[in-house]
Amino acid sequence: MLELIRKNTFLTDQFTIETDTNVDSALSVVSINAVDGNEADGFKENTGITLSLDYEELDEIIFILQEASNALKRSENR
């Protein structure tokens, strides 16, 4: 049986990132939304941005985020 859709969610107290990846169409729908509230009161997602991306676009975003992370790590080590 072919796996068609994979769903992942990353939730913080400031934002959530959700991905719905359709392997059959080779696209991933990525949603980034701001979050209000907290764990005790419950979280409320606000409308953010939703993009349909292929693996090359995802790789570019990952590269940019990794570069930003590396820069922050280097600044901590000064």
PDB file of N, CA and C in Angstrom:
ATOM      1  N   MET A   1       0.838  -1.185   0.000  1.00  0.00           N
ATOM      2  CA  MET A   1       0.000   0.000   0.000  1.00  0.00           C
ATOM      3  C   MET A   1       0.882   1.247   0.000  1.00  0.00           C
ATOM      4  N   LEU A   2       0.576   2.168  -0.870  1.00  0.00           N
ATOM      5  CA  LEU A   2       1.341   3.395  -1.022  1.00  0.00           C
ATOM      6  C   LEU A   2       0.956   4.401   0.060  1.00  0.00           C
ATOM      7  N   GLU A   3       1.963   4.974   0.719  1.00  0.00           N
ATOM      8  CA  GLU A   3       1.700   6.007   1.717  1.00  0.00           C
ATOM      9  C   GLU A   3       1.545   7.336   1.000  1.00  0.00           C
ATOM     10  N   LEU A   4       0.367   7.928   1.104  1.00  0.00           N
ATOM     11  CA  LEU A   4       0.097   9.150   0.361  1.00  0.00           C
ATOM     12  C   LEU A   4       0.262  10.416   1.182  1.00  0.00           C
ATOM     13  N   ILE A   5      -0.142  10.394   2.452  1.00  0.00           N
ATOM     14  CA  ILE A   5      -0.133  11.637   3.225  1.00  0.00           C
ATOM     15  C   ILE A   5       0.553  11.415   4.571  1.00  0.00           C
ATOM     16  N   ARG A   6       1.447  12.331   4.897  1.00  0.00           N
ATOM     17  CA  ARG A   6       2.089  12.361   6.206  1.00  0.00           C
ATOM     18  C   ARG A   6       1.782  13.710   6.830  1.00  0.00           C
ATOM     19  N   LYS A   7       1.391  13.707   8.094  1.00  0.00           N
ATOM     20  CA  LYS A   7       1.066  14.957   8.786  1.00  0.00           C
ATOM     21  C   LYS A   7       1.995  15.099   9.988  1.00  0.00           C
ATOM     22  N   ASN A   8       2.583  16.282  10.131  1.00  0.00           N
ATOM     23  CA  ASN A   8       3.445  16.596  11.271  1.00  0.00           C
ATOM     24  C   ASN A   8       3.058  17.954  11.825  1.00  0.00           C
ATOM     25  N   THR A   9       3.191  18.105  13.138  1.00  0.00           N
ATOM     26  CA  THR A   9       2.878  19.376  13.796  1.00  0.00           C
ATOM     27  C   THR A   9       3.950  19.689  14.828  1.00  0.00           C
ATOM     28  N   PHE A  10       4.394  20.939  14.833  1.00  0.00           N
ATOM     29  CA  PHE A  10       5.318  21.453  15.836  1.00  0.00           C
ATOM     30  C   PHE A  10       4.622  22.637  16.506  1.00  0.00           C
ATOM     31  N   LEU A  11       4.409  22.556  17.824  1.00  0.00           N
ATOM     32  CA  LEU A  11       3.664  23.580  18.558  1.00  0.00           C
ATOM     33  C   LEU A  11       4.538  24.180  19.641  1.00  0.00           C
ATOM     34  N   THR A  12       4.599  25.507  19.656  1.00  0.00           N
ATOM     35  CA  THR A  12       5.255  26.229  20.750  1.00  0.00           C
ATOM     36  C   THR A  12       4.213  27.163  21.363  1.00  0.00           C
ATOM     37  N   ASP A  13       4.610  27.937  22.357  1.00  0.00           N
ATOM     38  CA  ASP A  13       3.665  28.888  22.947  1.00  0.00           C
ATOM     39  C   ASP A  13       3.506  30.142  22.092  1.00  0.00           C
ATOM     40  N   GLN A  14       4.281  30.257  20.991  1.00  0.00           N
ATOM     41  CA  GLN A  14       4.185  31.418  20.117  1.00  0.00           C
ATOM     42  C   GLN A  14       3.617  31.091  18.738  1.00  0.00           C
ATOM     43  N   PHE A  15       3.906  29.892  18.226  1.00  0.00           N
ATOM     44  CA  PHE A  15       3.478  29.553  16.871  1.00  0.00           C
ATOM     45  C   PHE A  15       3.359  28.044  16.708  1.00  0.00           C
ATOM     46  N   THR A  16       2.724  27.666  15.624  1.00  0.00           N
ATOM     47  CA  THR A  16       2.652  26.265  15.239  1.00  0.00           C
ATOM     48  C   THR A  16       3.028  26.129  13.768  1.00  0.00           C
ATOM     49  N   ILE A  17       3.716  25.044  13.462  1.00  0.00           N
ATOM     50  CA  ILE A  17       4.030  24.707  12.071  1.00  0.00           C
ATOM     51  C   ILE A  17       3.410  23.341  11.805  1.00  0.00           C
ATOM     52  N   GLU A  18       2.583  23.266  10.780  1.00  0.00           N
ATOM     53  CA  GLU A  18       1.963  22.009  10.400  1.00  0.00           C
ATOM     54  C   GLU A  18       2.330  21.691   8.960  1.00  0.00           C
ATOM     55  N   THR A  19       2.606  20.423   8.705  1.00  0.00           N
ATOM     56  CA  THR A  19       2.867  19.994   7.331  1.00  0.00           C
ATOM     57  C   THR A  19       1.957  18.828   6.990  1.00  0.00           C
ATOM     58  N   ASP A  20       1.386  18.890   5.825  1.00  0.00           N
ATOM     59  CA  ASP A  20       0.635  17.786   5.236  1.00  0.00           C
ATOM     60  C   ASP A  20       1.343  17.453   3.932  1.00  0.00           C
ATOM     61  N   THR A  21       2.023  16.318   3.916  1.00  0.00           N
ATOM     62  CA  THR A  21       2.829  15.947   2.762  1.00  0.00           C
ATOM     63  C   THR A  21       2.131  14.855   1.971  1.00  0.00           C
ATOM     64  N   ASN A  22       1.885  15.144   0.710  1.00  0.00           N
ATOM     65  CA  ASN A  22       1.280  14.179  -0.200  1.00  0.00           C
ATOM     66  C   ASN A  22       2.395  13.627  -1.083  1.00  0.00           C
ATOM     67  N   VAL A  23       2.815  12.406  -0.782  1.00  0.00           N
ATOM     68  CA  VAL A  23       3.928  11.789  -1.501  1.00  0.00           C
ATOM     69  C   VAL A  23       3.554  11.557  -2.958  1.00  0.00           C
ATOM     70  N   ASP A  24       2.297  11.248  -3.204  1.00  0.00           N
ATOM     71  CA  ASP A  24       1.844  10.971  -4.566  1.00  0.00           C
ATOM     72  C   ASP A  24       1.996  12.187  -5.478  1.00  0.00           C
ATOM     73  N   SER A  25       1.677  13.386  -4.969  1.00  0.00           N
ATOM     74  CA  SER A  25       1.793  14.598  -5.781  1.00  0.00           C
ATOM     75  C   SER A  25       3.135  15.299  -5.599  1.00  0.00           C
ATOM     76  N   ALA A  26       3.970  14.790  -4.688  1.00  0.00           N
ATOM     77  CA  ALA A  26       5.297  15.346  -4.402  1.00  0.00           C
ATOM     78  C   ALA A  26       5.232  16.793  -3.928  1.00  0.00           C
ATOM     79  N   LEU A  27       4.200  17.115  -3.148  1.00  0.00           N
ATOM     80  CA  LEU A  27       4.059  18.451  -2.573  1.00  0.00           C
ATOM     81  C   LEU A  27       3.759  18.352  -1.085  1.00  0.00           C
ATOM     82  N   SER A  28       4.149  19.389  -0.365  1.00  0.00           N
ATOM     83  CA  SER A  28       3.839  19.484   1.048  1.00  0.00           C
ATOM     84  C   SER A  28       3.157  20.820   1.304  1.00  0.00           C
ATOM     85  N   VAL A  29       2.035  20.789   1.981  1.00  0.00           N
ATOM     86  CA  VAL A  29       1.341  22.005   2.378  1.00  0.00           C
ATOM     87  C   VAL A  29       1.857  22.360   3.765  1.00  0.00           C
ATOM     88  N   VAL A  30       2.475  23.540   3.880  1.00  0.00           N
ATOM     89  CA  VAL A  30       3.078  23.989   5.125  1.00  0.00           C
ATOM     90  C   VAL A  30       2.292  25.190   5.631  1.00  0.00           C
ATOM     91  N   SER A  31       1.821  25.105   6.883  1.00  0.00           N
ATOM     92  CA  SER A  31       1.088  26.205   7.509  1.00  0.00           C
ATOM     93  C   SER A  31       1.863  26.678   8.731  1.00  0.00           C
ATOM     94  N   ILE A  32       2.043  27.994   8.825  1.00  0.00           N
ATOM     95  CA  ILE A  32       2.675  28.609   9.990  1.00  0.00           C
ATOM     96  C   ILE A  32       1.676  29.599  10.560  1.00  0.00           C
ATOM     97  N   ASN A  33       1.278  29.367  11.800  1.00  0.00           N
ATOM     98  CA  ASN A  33       0.246  30.190  12.429  1.00  0.00           C
ATOM     99  C   ASN A  33       0.709  30.661  13.801  1.00  0.00           C
ATOM    100  N   ALA A  34       0.363  31.897  14.145  1.00  0.00           N
ATOM    101  CA  ALA A  34       0.612  32.410  15.489  1.00  0.00           C
ATOM    102  C   ALA A  34      -0.347  31.724  16.459  1.00  0.00           C
ATOM    103  N   VAL A  35       0.078  31.612  17.726  1.00  0.00           N
ATOM    104  CA  VAL A  35      -0.726  30.947  18.745  1.00  0.00           C
ATOM    105  C   VAL A  35      -0.928  31.896  19.915  1.00  0.00           C
ATOM    106  N   ASP A  36      -2.153  31.961  20.410  1.00  0.00           N
ATOM    107  CA  ASP A  36      -2.472  32.704  21.628  1.00  0.00           C
ATOM    108  C   ASP A  36      -2.844  31.709  22.708  1.00  0.00           C
ATOM    109  N   GLY A  37      -2.643  32.108  23.949  1.00  0.00           N
ATOM    110  CA  GLY A  37      -3.019  31.244  25.062  1.00  0.00           C
ATOM    111  C   GLY A  37      -1.826  30.502  25.612  1.00  0.00           C
ATOM    112  N   ASN A  38      -2.135  29.515  26.443  1.00  0.00           N
ATOM    113  CA  ASN A  38      -1.081  28.687  27.035  1.00  0.00           C
ATOM    114  C   ASN A  38      -1.616  27.288  27.294  1.00  0.00           C
ATOM    115  N   GLU A  39      -0.751  26.433  27.801  1.00  0.00           N
ATOM    116  CA  GLU A  39      -1.128  25.036  27.979  1.00  0.00           C
ATOM    117  C   GLU A  39      -2.296  24.871  28.955  1.00  0.00           C
ATOM    118  N   ALA A  40      -2.314  25.689  30.011  1.00  0.00           N
ATOM    119  CA  ALA A  40      -3.369  25.575  31.009  1.00  0.00           C
ATOM    120  C   ALA A  40      -4.725  26.039  30.463  1.00  0.00           C
ATOM    121  N   ASP A  41      -4.722  27.140  29.709  1.00  0.00           N
ATOM    122  CA  ASP A  41      -5.970  27.715  29.195  1.00  0.00           C
ATOM    123  C   ASP A  41      -6.363  27.157  27.831  1.00  0.00           C
ATOM    124  N   GLY A  42      -5.442  26.514  27.177  1.00  0.00           N
ATOM    125  CA  GLY A  42      -5.680  26.035  25.819  1.00  0.00           C
ATOM    126  C   GLY A  42      -5.098  27.001  24.813  1.00  0.00           C
ATOM    127  N   PHE A  43      -4.770  26.470  23.667  1.00  0.00           N
ATOM    128  CA  PHE A  43      -4.167  27.272  22.605  1.00  0.00           C
ATOM    129  C   PHE A  43      -5.205  27.624  21.552  1.00  0.00           C
ATOM    130  N   LYS A  44      -5.070  28.817  20.989  1.00  0.00           N
ATOM    131  CA  LYS A  44      -5.925  29.239  19.891  1.00  0.00           C
ATOM    132  C   LYS A  44      -5.024  29.647  18.737  1.00  0.00           C
ATOM    133  N   GLU A  45      -5.186  28.971  17.593  1.00  0.00           N
ATOM    134  CA  GLU A  45      -4.385  29.306  16.422  1.00  0.00           C
ATOM    135  C   GLU A  45      -4.993  30.486  15.693  1.00  0.00           C
ATOM    136  N   ASN A  46      -4.159  31.433  15.314  1.00  0.00           N
ATOM    137  CA  ASN A  46      -4.580  32.558  14.492  1.00  0.00           C
ATOM    138  C   ASN A  46      -4.189  32.274  13.044  1.00  0.00           C
ATOM    139  N   THR A  47      -4.898  32.870  12.122  1.00  0.00           N
ATOM    140  CA  THR A  47      -4.594  32.677  10.712  1.00  0.00           C
ATOM    141  C   THR A  47      -3.203  33.194  10.402  1.00  0.00           C
ATOM    142  N   GLY A  48      -2.441  32.386   9.706  1.00  0.00           N
ATOM    143  CA  GLY A  48      -1.071  32.757   9.352  1.00  0.00           C
ATOM    144  C   GLY A  48      -0.858  32.606   7.864  1.00  0.00           C
ATOM    145  N   ILE A  49       0.126  31.806   7.508  1.00  0.00           N
ATOM    146  CA  ILE A  49       0.480  31.620   6.108  1.00  0.00           C
ATOM    147  C   ILE A  49       0.445  30.133   5.780  1.00  0.00           C
ATOM    148  N   THR A  50      -0.055  29.815   4.605  1.00  0.00           N
ATOM    149  CA  THR A  50      -0.077  28.437   4.120  1.00  0.00           C
ATOM    150  C   THR A  50       0.519  28.414   2.720  1.00  0.00           C
ATOM    151  N   LEU A  51       1.488  27.517   2.530  1.00  0.00           N
ATOM    152  CA  LEU A  51       2.188  27.401   1.248  1.00  0.00           C
ATOM    153  C   LEU A  51       2.191  25.958   0.781  1.00  0.00           C
ATOM    154  N   SER A  52       2.153  25.759  -0.508  1.00  0.00           N
ATOM    155  CA  SER A  52       2.324  24.444  -1.105  1.00  0.00           C
ATOM    156  C   SER A  52       3.721  24.408  -1.712  1.00  0.00           C
ATOM    157  N   LEU A  53       4.587  23.541  -1.186  1.00  0.00           N
ATOM    158  CA  LEU A  53       5.998  23.553  -1.562  1.00  0.00           C
ATOM    159  C   LEU A  53       6.459  22.189  -2.052  1.00  0.00           C
ATOM    160  N   ASP A  54       7.408  22.195  -3.000  1.00  0.00           N
ATOM    161  CA  ASP A  54       8.023  20.941  -3.409  1.00  0.00           C
ATOM    162  C   ASP A  54       9.306  20.746  -2.585  1.00  0.00           C
ATOM    163  N   TYR A  55       9.992  19.631  -2.791  1.00  0.00           N
ATOM    164  CA  TYR A  55      11.154  19.328  -1.948  1.00  0.00           C
ATOM    165  C   TYR A  55      12.300  20.318  -2.141  1.00  0.00           C
ATOM    166  N   GLU A  56      12.461  20.870  -3.324  1.00  0.00           N
ATOM    167  CA  GLU A  56      13.533  21.844  -3.529  1.00  0.00           C
ATOM    168  C   GLU A  56      13.280  23.117  -2.733  1.00  0.00           C
ATOM    169  N   GLU A  57      12.038  23.570  -2.719  1.00  0.00           N
ATOM    170  CA  GLU A  57      11.685  24.770  -1.948  1.00  0.00           C
ATOM    171  C   GLU A  57      11.833  24.505  -0.450  1.00  0.00           C
ATOM    172  N   LEU A  58      11.407  23.328  -0.004  1.00  0.00           N
ATOM    173  CA  LEU A  58      11.578  22.967   1.408  1.00  0.00           C
ATOM    174  C   LEU A  58      13.057  22.922   1.781  1.00  0.00           C
ATOM    175  N   ASP A  59      13.881  22.344   0.910  1.00  0.00           N
ATOM    176  CA  ASP A  59      15.321  22.288   1.167  1.00  0.00           C
ATOM    177  C   ASP A  59      15.919  23.678   1.303  1.00  0.00           C
ATOM    178  N   GLU A  60      15.483  24.626   0.471  1.00  0.00           N
ATOM    179  CA  GLU A  60      15.990  25.997   0.554  1.00  0.00           C
ATOM    180  C   GLU A  60      15.604  26.659   1.879  1.00  0.00           C
ATOM    181  N   ILE A  61      14.364  26.450   2.303  1.00  0.00           N
ATOM    182  CA  ILE A  61      13.913  27.014   3.578  1.00  0.00           C
ATOM    183  C   ILE A  61      14.702  26.410   4.730  1.00  0.00           C
ATOM    184  N   ILE A  62      14.896  25.100   4.701  1.00  0.00           N
ATOM    185  CA  ILE A  62      15.672  24.421   5.747  1.00  0.00           C
ATOM    186  C   ILE A  62      17.098  24.962   5.770  1.00  0.00           C
ATOM    187  N   PHE A  63      17.698  25.161   4.603  1.00  0.00           N
ATOM    188  CA  PHE A  63      19.055  25.691   4.520  1.00  0.00           C
ATOM    189  C   PHE A  63      19.148  27.077   5.157  1.00  0.00           C
ATOM    190  N   ILE A  64      18.199  27.947   4.831  1.00  0.00           N
ATOM    191  CA  ILE A  64      18.199  29.309   5.382  1.00  0.00           C
ATOM    192  C   ILE A  64      18.036  29.284   6.896  1.00  0.00           C
ATOM    193  N   LEU A  65      17.126  28.458   7.391  1.00  0.00           N
ATOM    194  CA  LEU A  65      16.921  28.348   8.840  1.00  0.00           C
ATOM    195  C   LEU A  65      18.151  27.767   9.534  1.00  0.00           C
ATOM    196  N   GLN A  66      18.791  26.785   8.909  1.00  0.00           N
ATOM    197  CA  GLN A  66      20.005  26.202   9.488  1.00  0.00           C
ATOM    198  C   GLN A  66      21.125  27.225   9.553  1.00  0.00           C
ATOM    199  N   GLU A  67      21.259  28.047   8.509  1.00  0.00           N
ATOM    200  CA  GLU A  67      22.270  29.109   8.516  1.00  0.00           C
ATOM    201  C   GLU A  67      22.003  30.102   9.644  1.00  0.00           C
ATOM    202  N   ALA A  68      20.751  30.467   9.847  1.00  0.00           N
ATOM    203  CA  ALA A  68      20.408  31.387  10.939  1.00  0.00           C
ATOM    204  C   ALA A  68      20.737  30.760  12.296  1.00  0.00           C
ATOM    205  N   SER A  69      20.417  29.489  12.452  1.00  0.00           N
ATOM    206  CA  SER A  69      20.719  28.779  13.689  1.00  0.00           C
ATOM    207  C   SER A  69      22.220  28.717  13.933  1.00  0.00           C
ATOM    208  N   ASN A  70      22.985  28.415  12.899  1.00  0.00           N
ATOM    209  CA  ASN A  70      24.444  28.353  13.034  1.00  0.00           C
ATOM    210  C   ASN A  70      25.028  29.705  13.428  1.00  0.00           C
ATOM    211  N   ALA A  71      24.502  30.783  12.860  1.00  0.00           N
ATOM    212  CA  ALA A  71      24.976  32.132  13.203  1.00  0.00           C
ATOM    213  C   ALA A  71      24.719  32.430  14.685  1.00  0.00           C
ATOM    214  N   LEU A  72      23.537  32.046  15.172  1.00  0.00           N
ATOM    215  CA  LEU A  72      23.218  32.280  16.580  1.00  0.00           C
ATOM    216  C   LEU A  72      24.119  31.450  17.495  1.00  0.00           C
ATOM    217  N   LYS A  73      24.402  30.229  17.109  1.00  0.00           N
ATOM    218  CA  LYS A  73      25.299  29.365  17.898  1.00  0.00           C
ATOM    219  C   LYS A  73      26.703  29.968  17.956  1.00  0.00           C
ATOM    220  N   ARG A  74      27.177  30.461  16.811  1.00  0.00           N
ATOM    221  CA  ARG A  74      28.504  31.085  16.777  1.00  0.00           C
ATOM    222  C   ARG A  74      28.560  32.320  17.666  1.00  0.00           C
ATOM    223  N   SER A  75      27.482  33.104  17.685  1.00  0.00           N
ATOM    224  CA  SER A  75      27.484  34.327  18.515  1.00  0.00           C
ATOM    225  C   SER A  75      27.473  33.988  20.001  1.00  0.00           C
ATOM    226  N   GLU A  76      26.890  32.851  20.361  1.00  0.00           N
ATOM    227  CA  GLU A  76      26.905  32.434  21.777  1.00  0.00           C
ATOM    228  C   GLU A  76      28.304  32.013  22.228  1.00  0.00           C
ATOM    229  N   ASN A  77      29.104  31.549  21.301  1.00  0.00           N
ATOM    230  CA  ASN A  77      30.429  31.036  21.635  1.00  0.00           C
ATOM    231  C   ASN A  77      31.500  32.117  21.664  1.00  0.00           C
ATOM    232  N   ARG A  78      31.132  33.351  21.449  1.00  0.00           N
ATOM    233  CA  ARG A  78      32.124  34.441  21.473  1.00  0.00           C
ATOM    234  C   ARG A  78      32.499  34.809  22.869  1.00  0.00           C
TER     235      ARG A  78
END
